[in-house]
Amino acid sequence: MSFTIVKSDITKIKADAIVNPTDTWFSGSGGTDKAVHRAAGESVRAELEGWPRLGTGEVYTTSAGNLPCKYIIHTAGPIYSEGLSGESILLRSCFDKALAEAVRLECKSIAFPLIASGSFGFPKGEALKIANESISNFLMEHDMKVILVLYDEISYHLSQNLIDDIKSYVNENYEPEPDAVSDEAEELICNESQMPVFASWTCGSAKNMSLVDDLNNLDESFQEMLLRKIDESDWKASQVYNRANITKEHFYKIRHNKNYSPEKKTVCAFAIALRHDMKETEELLEKAGYALSRSSKFDVIIRYFIESGNYDIFEINEVLYDFDQELLGL
């Protein structure tokens, strides 16, 4: 499984299926609905001719016409009216039923817009939360690549309190690396580089171990530590790699390669999935040769969520996306 967020035009996304937010009459008049029909061509409109009215929260599938996908899953989102008419339940149904339809069609990937958040007036923050819940619950049980396609920054969708808190935390803790080395430091580096090196390296001074002995007595690898921590947890391996936004195939590679060398975002994803505190996260990162730095916005954001005890990887990825950082897992 994997869940990623991209800023793009959904008609340009290559996936087995895309979801088209329409009205109950398949009118093709809304923003995304109009764009999908324009890009797909007349063959899709012909498939919809004469089809009975689509219930709100329901789905209907057609071919994709000229689009770079196999199917268009049309769904009728709710028109928002103060949230007092079951709009949240109906919007959740749009996501749930589109995902179920993708399973029926044996899709390996599906792309969603933020349904009903345009002309239908559904508050974007609430719509994003519903999308997050539906997709994350689905991916706990299914292997599929899910793409959420947005036009604008997520900060307009997320809780303003959360965004303000994170921005404040980043401002207080982010220390960008200097652009240039000072003249004094540069002179010192030049002088040191001209010095002959006579030092020798020894390790395990108590036993005066040789380098060969050290290399034969390495600590456990990242792979070994990760598998041990999963075994020591109360969760199945599948639960952990799903929460880490890691595919089953990728986890298989990790499990069967003692010398697996992960990317930093992968290590952080497993730390989040295992609900690690800062000390445990730093230990896992160290095994892979990494550390959290205050000169990286990615690192500062990860530290913020771990210190806050918030291990919702999809919400973390939403914030990373908003700060133009790499997403966890994948």
Protein backbone atom coordinates (compact mmCIF):
# COMPACT_ATOMS: atom_id res chain seq x y z
CA MET A 1 0.00 0.00 0.00
CA SER A 2 0.98 3.63 -0.30
CA PHE A 3 -0.74 6.97 0.05
CA THR A 4 0.77 10.05 -1.50
CA ILE A 5 -0.32 13.64 -2.03
CA VAL A 6 0.52 15.55 -5.18
CA LYS A 7 -0.25 19.00 -6.50
CA SER A 8 -1.35 18.38 -10.07
CA ASP A 9 -4.17 18.10 -12.59
CA ILE A 10 -6.02 14.82 -12.03
CA THR A 11 -6.53 14.38 -15.78
CA LYS A 12 -2.73 14.06 -16.13
CA ILE A 13 -2.34 11.38 -13.44
CA LYS A 14 -1.34 7.90 -14.56
CA ALA A 15 -3.34 5.44 -12.47
CA ASP A 16 -5.62 2.50 -13.12
CA ALA A 17 -8.61 4.63 -12.10
CA ILE A 18 -9.36 8.24 -11.33
CA VAL A 19 -12.35 9.48 -9.36
CA ASN A 20 -14.52 12.15 -10.97
CA PRO A 21 -16.64 14.26 -8.60
CA THR A 22 -19.92 14.88 -10.38
CA ASP A 23 -23.52 15.73 -9.54
CA THR A 24 -26.45 13.33 -9.50
CA TRP A 25 -27.17 13.99 -13.21
CA PHE A 26 -23.60 13.48 -14.52
CA SER A 27 -23.83 17.01 -15.91
CA GLY A 28 -20.09 17.56 -16.37
CA SER A 29 -20.50 21.20 -15.40
CA GLY A 30 -18.39 21.46 -12.25
CA GLY A 31 -14.69 22.38 -12.22
CA THR A 32 -13.03 18.96 -12.02
CA ASP A 33 -16.05 17.22 -13.62
CA LYS A 34 -15.84 19.55 -16.60
CA ALA A 35 -12.08 19.10 -16.93
CA VAL A 36 -12.38 15.29 -16.81
CA HIS A 37 -15.06 15.19 -19.53
CA ARG A 38 -13.12 17.62 -21.70
CA ALA A 39 -9.95 15.53 -21.45
CA ALA A 40 -11.70 12.14 -21.76
CA GLY A 41 -13.66 12.98 -24.92
CA GLU A 42 -17.14 12.23 -26.22
CA SER A 43 -16.97 8.46 -25.73
CA VAL A 44 -17.34 8.84 -21.95
CA ARG A 45 -20.30 11.22 -22.35
CA ALA A 46 -21.92 8.66 -24.65
CA GLU A 47 -21.58 5.95 -21.98
CA LEU A 48 -23.46 8.14 -19.51
CA GLU A 49 -26.34 9.02 -21.83
CA GLY A 50 -29.61 7.66 -20.56
CA TRP A 51 -28.14 6.40 -17.29
CA PRO A 52 -30.52 6.95 -14.36
CA ARG A 53 -29.80 9.56 -11.73
CA LEU A 54 -26.82 8.76 -9.47
CA GLY A 55 -27.54 8.82 -5.75
CA THR A 56 -25.42 11.10 -3.56
CA GLY A 57 -22.53 9.09 -2.13
CA GLU A 58 -22.87 6.43 -4.85
CA VAL A 59 -20.44 5.56 -7.68
CA TYR A 60 -20.66 4.57 -11.33
CA THR A 61 -17.76 3.45 -13.57
CA THR A 62 -17.08 4.18 -17.24
CA SER A 63 -14.10 3.70 -19.50
CA ALA A 64 -11.53 6.51 -19.49
CA GLY A 65 -11.64 7.68 -23.10
CA ASN A 66 -8.51 9.71 -23.87
CA LEU A 67 -7.29 9.85 -20.28
CA PRO A 68 -4.08 7.99 -19.21
CA CYS A 69 -6.04 5.55 -17.02
CA LYS A 70 -8.33 2.57 -17.47
CA TYR A 71 -11.44 3.70 -15.65
CA ILE A 72 -13.26 6.78 -14.43
CA ILE A 73 -15.17 6.17 -11.21
CA HIS A 74 -17.85 8.87 -11.08
CA THR A 75 -19.24 9.78 -7.66
CA ALA A 76 -21.86 12.31 -6.61
CA GLY A 77 -20.62 14.33 -3.66
CA PRO A 78 -22.94 16.08 -1.20
CA ILE A 79 -23.79 19.77 -1.45
CA TYR A 80 -22.74 21.28 1.85
CA SER A 81 -25.40 23.02 3.93
CA GLU A 82 -24.05 23.83 7.40
CA GLY A 83 -23.15 20.17 7.95
CA LEU A 84 -26.55 19.34 9.42
CA SER A 85 -27.87 17.02 6.71
CA GLY A 86 -25.50 14.08 6.92
CA GLU A 87 -23.00 15.60 4.49
CA SER A 88 -19.98 14.02 6.24
CA ILE A 89 -21.53 10.54 6.05
CA LEU A 90 -22.30 11.00 2.36
CA LEU A 91 -18.81 12.27 1.56
CA ARG A 92 -17.27 9.33 3.42
CA SER A 93 -19.46 7.06 1.29
CA CYS A 94 -17.99 8.64 -1.87
CA PHE A 95 -14.47 7.69 -0.82
CA ASP A 96 -15.37 4.28 0.63
CA LYS A 97 -17.41 3.16 -2.36
CA ALA A 98 -14.88 4.43 -4.90
CA LEU A 99 -12.17 2.41 -3.15
CA ALA A 100 -14.40 -0.67 -3.03
CA GLU A 101 -15.12 -0.23 -6.75
CA ALA A 102 -11.37 -0.03 -7.45
CA VAL A 103 -10.96 -3.38 -5.66
CA ARG A 104 -13.76 -4.88 -7.76
CA LEU A 105 -12.04 -3.62 -10.91
CA GLU A 106 -8.73 -5.13 -9.69
CA CYS A 107 -7.00 -1.75 -9.81
CA LYS A 108 -3.51 -1.37 -8.42
CA SER A 109 -3.74 2.42 -8.22
CA ILE A 110 -6.42 5.09 -7.88
CA ALA A 111 -6.35 8.89 -7.83
CA PHE A 112 -8.82 11.12 -5.97
CA PRO A 113 -9.50 14.82 -5.98
CA LEU A 114 -10.74 16.40 -2.74
CA ILE A 115 -14.37 15.51 -3.48
CA ALA A 116 -17.11 18.14 -2.96
CA SER A 117 -14.65 20.79 -1.72
CA GLY A 118 -15.13 23.06 -4.75
CA SER A 119 -18.46 24.33 -6.01
CA PHE A 120 -20.34 22.02 -3.61
CA GLY A 121 -18.90 24.04 -0.72
CA PHE A 122 -17.66 21.27 1.58
CA PRO A 123 -15.08 22.79 4.00
CA LYS A 124 -11.68 21.67 2.75
CA GLY A 125 -10.26 20.89 6.17
CA GLU A 126 -13.17 18.61 7.00
CA ALA A 127 -13.09 17.02 3.54
CA LEU A 128 -9.38 16.31 3.92
CA LYS A 129 -9.96 14.67 7.30
CA ILE A 130 -12.68 12.43 5.86
CA ALA A 131 -10.47 11.49 2.89
CA ASN A 132 -7.60 10.71 5.27
CA GLU A 133 -9.75 8.46 7.48
CA SER A 134 -11.33 6.57 4.58
CA ILE A 135 -8.07 5.99 2.71
CA SER A 136 -5.99 5.08 5.78
CA ASN A 137 -8.59 2.56 6.99
CA PHE A 138 -8.78 1.06 3.50
CA LEU A 139 -5.00 0.70 3.22
CA MET A 140 -4.80 -1.22 6.47
CA GLU A 141 -6.54 -4.09 4.66
CA HIS A 142 -5.66 -3.62 0.98
CA ASP A 143 -2.58 -3.27 -1.21
CA MET A 144 -3.17 -0.34 -3.53
CA LYS A 145 -1.48 2.92 -4.45
CA VAL A 146 -3.76 5.82 -3.55
CA ILE A 147 -3.04 9.34 -4.78
CA LEU A 148 -4.75 12.45 -3.46
CA VAL A 149 -4.51 15.18 -6.11
CA LEU A 150 -4.71 18.78 -4.91
CA TYR A 151 -4.52 22.16 -6.61
CA ASP A 152 -3.44 24.28 -3.66
CA GLU A 153 -1.49 24.17 -0.41
CA ILE A 154 -2.81 21.91 2.34
CA SER A 155 -2.34 24.68 4.93
CA TYR A 156 -5.67 26.03 3.71
CA HIS A 157 -7.25 22.68 4.55
CA LEU A 158 -5.57 21.71 7.79
CA SER A 159 -6.48 23.08 11.21
CA GLN A 160 -5.15 26.61 11.41
CA ASN A 161 -4.14 25.96 15.02
CA LEU A 162 -2.02 22.99 13.92
CA ILE A 163 -0.38 24.93 11.09
CA ASP A 164 0.33 27.93 13.33
CA ASP A 165 1.78 25.65 16.02
CA ILE A 166 4.04 23.83 13.55
CA LYS A 167 5.20 27.06 11.90
CA SER A 168 6.04 28.47 15.31
CA TYR A 169 7.90 25.27 16.26
CA VAL A 170 9.85 25.28 12.98
CA ASN A 171 10.75 28.95 13.39
CA GLU A 172 12.04 28.30 16.92
CA ASN A 173 13.95 25.11 16.12
CA TYR A 174 15.05 25.39 12.50
CA GLU A 175 18.67 26.51 12.16
CA PRO A 176 19.67 26.69 8.48
CA GLU A 177 23.26 25.85 7.71
CA PRO A 178 25.47 28.87 6.93
CA ASP A 179 25.96 29.55 3.22
CA ALA A 180 29.68 30.11 3.49
CA VAL A 181 32.61 29.24 5.75
CA SER A 182 34.14 32.19 7.60
CA ASP A 183 37.59 33.42 6.52
CA GLU A 184 39.06 32.31 9.85
CA ALA A 185 37.54 28.83 9.56
CA GLU A 186 38.62 28.56 5.92
CA GLU A 187 42.21 29.40 6.88
CA LEU A 188 42.11 26.80 9.65
CA ILE A 189 40.80 24.16 7.24
CA CYS A 190 43.53 25.01 4.72
CA ASN A 191 46.23 24.82 7.37
CA GLU A 192 44.92 21.52 8.72
CA SER A 193 44.73 20.06 5.23
CA GLN A 194 48.44 20.71 4.81
CA MET A 195 49.37 18.94 8.03
CA PRO A 196 50.80 15.43 7.78
CA VAL A 197 48.62 12.77 9.33
CA PHE A 198 50.35 10.35 11.67
CA ALA A 199 47.38 9.29 13.82
CA SER A 200 46.31 5.67 13.81
CA TRP A 201 42.80 4.43 14.59
CA THR A 202 42.16 1.87 17.31
CA CYS A 203 38.93 0.65 18.79
CA GLY A 204 38.09 -1.38 21.88
CA SER A 205 41.12 -0.13 23.71
CA ALA A 206 40.44 -2.35 26.75
CA LYS A 207 41.14 -5.42 24.65
CA ASN A 208 43.28 -3.66 22.06
CA MET A 209 41.12 -5.19 19.35
CA SER A 210 42.29 -5.02 15.77
CA LEU A 211 40.25 -3.49 12.94
CA VAL A 212 39.50 -6.98 11.61
CA ASP A 213 38.13 -8.01 15.00
CA ASP A 214 35.94 -4.91 15.11
CA LEU A 215 34.55 -5.61 11.67
CA ASN A 216 33.75 -9.16 12.73
CA ASN A 217 31.87 -7.93 15.80
CA LEU A 218 29.54 -5.30 14.42
CA ASP A 219 26.39 -4.28 16.30
CA GLU A 220 23.00 -5.34 14.97
CA SER A 221 22.08 -3.78 11.66
CA PHE A 222 19.12 -1.50 10.98
CA GLN A 223 17.26 -4.47 9.52
CA GLU A 224 17.93 -6.61 12.61
CA MET A 225 16.90 -3.85 15.00
CA LEU A 226 13.72 -3.12 13.05
CA LEU A 227 12.63 -6.76 12.94
CA ARG A 228 13.45 -7.17 16.64
CA LYS A 229 11.38 -4.11 17.55
CA ILE A 230 8.46 -5.39 15.49
CA ASP A 231 8.71 -8.79 17.24
CA GLU A 232 8.78 -7.04 20.63
CA SER A 233 5.73 -4.92 19.81
CA ASP A 234 2.10 -5.95 20.10
CA TRP A 235 1.57 -5.59 16.35
CA LYS A 236 1.88 -7.82 13.33
CA ALA A 237 4.51 -6.93 10.74
CA SER A 238 1.74 -6.09 8.26
CA GLN A 239 0.23 -3.59 10.69
CA VAL A 240 3.60 -1.89 11.16
CA TYR A 241 4.53 -1.56 7.49
CA ASN A 242 1.00 -0.43 6.61
CA ARG A 243 1.16 2.28 9.28
CA ALA A 244 4.59 3.22 7.94
CA ASN A 245 3.09 3.75 4.45
CA ILE A 246 5.45 1.05 3.13
CA THR A 247 4.41 -1.51 0.53
CA LYS A 248 4.45 -5.22 1.27
CA GLU A 249 6.99 -5.70 -1.53
CA HIS A 250 9.33 -3.11 -0.02
CA PHE A 251 9.07 -4.67 3.42
CA TYR A 252 9.87 -8.07 1.91
CA LYS A 253 13.14 -6.60 0.61
CA ILE A 254 13.98 -5.29 4.07
CA ARG A 255 13.15 -8.57 5.80
CA HIS A 256 15.41 -10.59 3.50
CA ASN A 257 18.41 -8.28 3.34
CA LYS A 258 20.50 -7.94 6.50
CA ASN A 259 22.53 -5.18 4.84
CA TYR A 260 19.50 -3.20 3.69
CA SER A 261 20.33 0.52 3.60
CA PRO A 262 17.16 2.60 4.04
CA GLU A 263 16.42 6.18 3.11
CA LYS A 264 15.98 8.53 6.04
CA LYS A 265 12.27 8.98 5.32
CA THR A 266 11.84 5.19 5.54
CA VAL A 267 13.51 5.01 8.96
CA CYS A 268 11.33 7.87 10.24
CA ALA A 269 8.23 6.17 8.85
CA PHE A 270 8.97 3.00 10.83
CA ALA A 271 9.68 5.05 13.97
CA ILE A 272 6.26 6.66 13.57
CA ALA A 273 4.59 3.29 12.89
CA LEU A 274 6.20 1.78 16.01
CA ARG A 275 5.13 4.80 18.12
CA HIS A 276 8.74 5.49 19.12
CA ASP A 277 9.65 8.33 21.44
CA MET A 278 12.59 10.60 20.58
CA LYS A 279 15.22 8.37 22.20
CA GLU A 280 14.01 5.25 20.39
CA THR A 281 13.72 7.18 17.12
CA GLU A 282 17.29 8.44 17.42
CA GLU A 283 18.51 4.88 18.12
CA LEU A 284 16.77 3.57 15.00
CA LEU A 285 18.12 6.43 12.90
CA GLU A 286 21.64 5.84 14.21
CA LYS A 287 21.51 2.22 13.04
CA ALA A 288 20.96 3.51 9.51
CA GLY A 289 23.62 6.21 9.82
CA TYR A 290 21.26 9.17 10.28
CA ALA A 291 20.35 11.75 12.90
CA LEU A 292 17.73 14.46 13.25
CA SER A 293 19.20 17.87 12.57
CA ARG A 294 17.91 21.36 13.33
CA SER A 295 19.20 22.46 9.92
CA SER A 296 16.54 20.37 8.12
CA LYS A 297 12.86 21.34 8.07
CA PHE A 298 11.98 17.69 7.44
CA ASP A 299 13.80 16.70 10.64
CA VAL A 300 12.27 19.51 12.70
CA ILE A 301 8.76 18.55 11.59
CA ILE A 302 9.36 14.88 12.45
CA ARG A 303 10.66 15.93 15.87
CA TYR A 304 7.58 18.11 16.42
CA PHE A 305 5.15 15.25 15.81
CA ILE A 306 7.07 12.72 17.90
CA GLU A 307 7.42 15.14 20.81
CA SER A 308 3.69 15.88 20.47
CA GLY A 309 2.85 12.15 20.57
CA ASN A 310 1.04 12.44 17.21
CA TYR A 311 1.79 9.33 15.11
CA ASP A 312 -0.77 9.84 12.34
CA ILE A 313 1.50 9.35 9.34
CA PHE A 314 -1.06 10.74 6.91
CA GLU A 315 -1.41 13.98 8.85
CA ILE A 316 2.39 14.16 9.12
CA ASN A 317 2.65 13.73 5.35
CA GLU A 318 0.07 16.46 4.82
CA VAL A 319 2.26 18.86 6.81
CA LEU A 320 5.46 17.69 5.07
CA TYR A 321 3.74 18.28 1.74
CA ASP A 322 2.75 21.77 2.81
CA PHE A 323 6.38 22.57 3.69
CA ASP A 324 7.60 21.10 0.36
CA GLN A 325 9.39 18.19 2.06
CA GLU A 326 9.64 14.51 1.11
CA LEU A 327 6.77 12.37 2.38
CA LEU A 328 7.23 9.48 4.80
CA GLY A 329 7.16 5.89 3.61
CA LEU A 330 6.30 5.20 -0.01
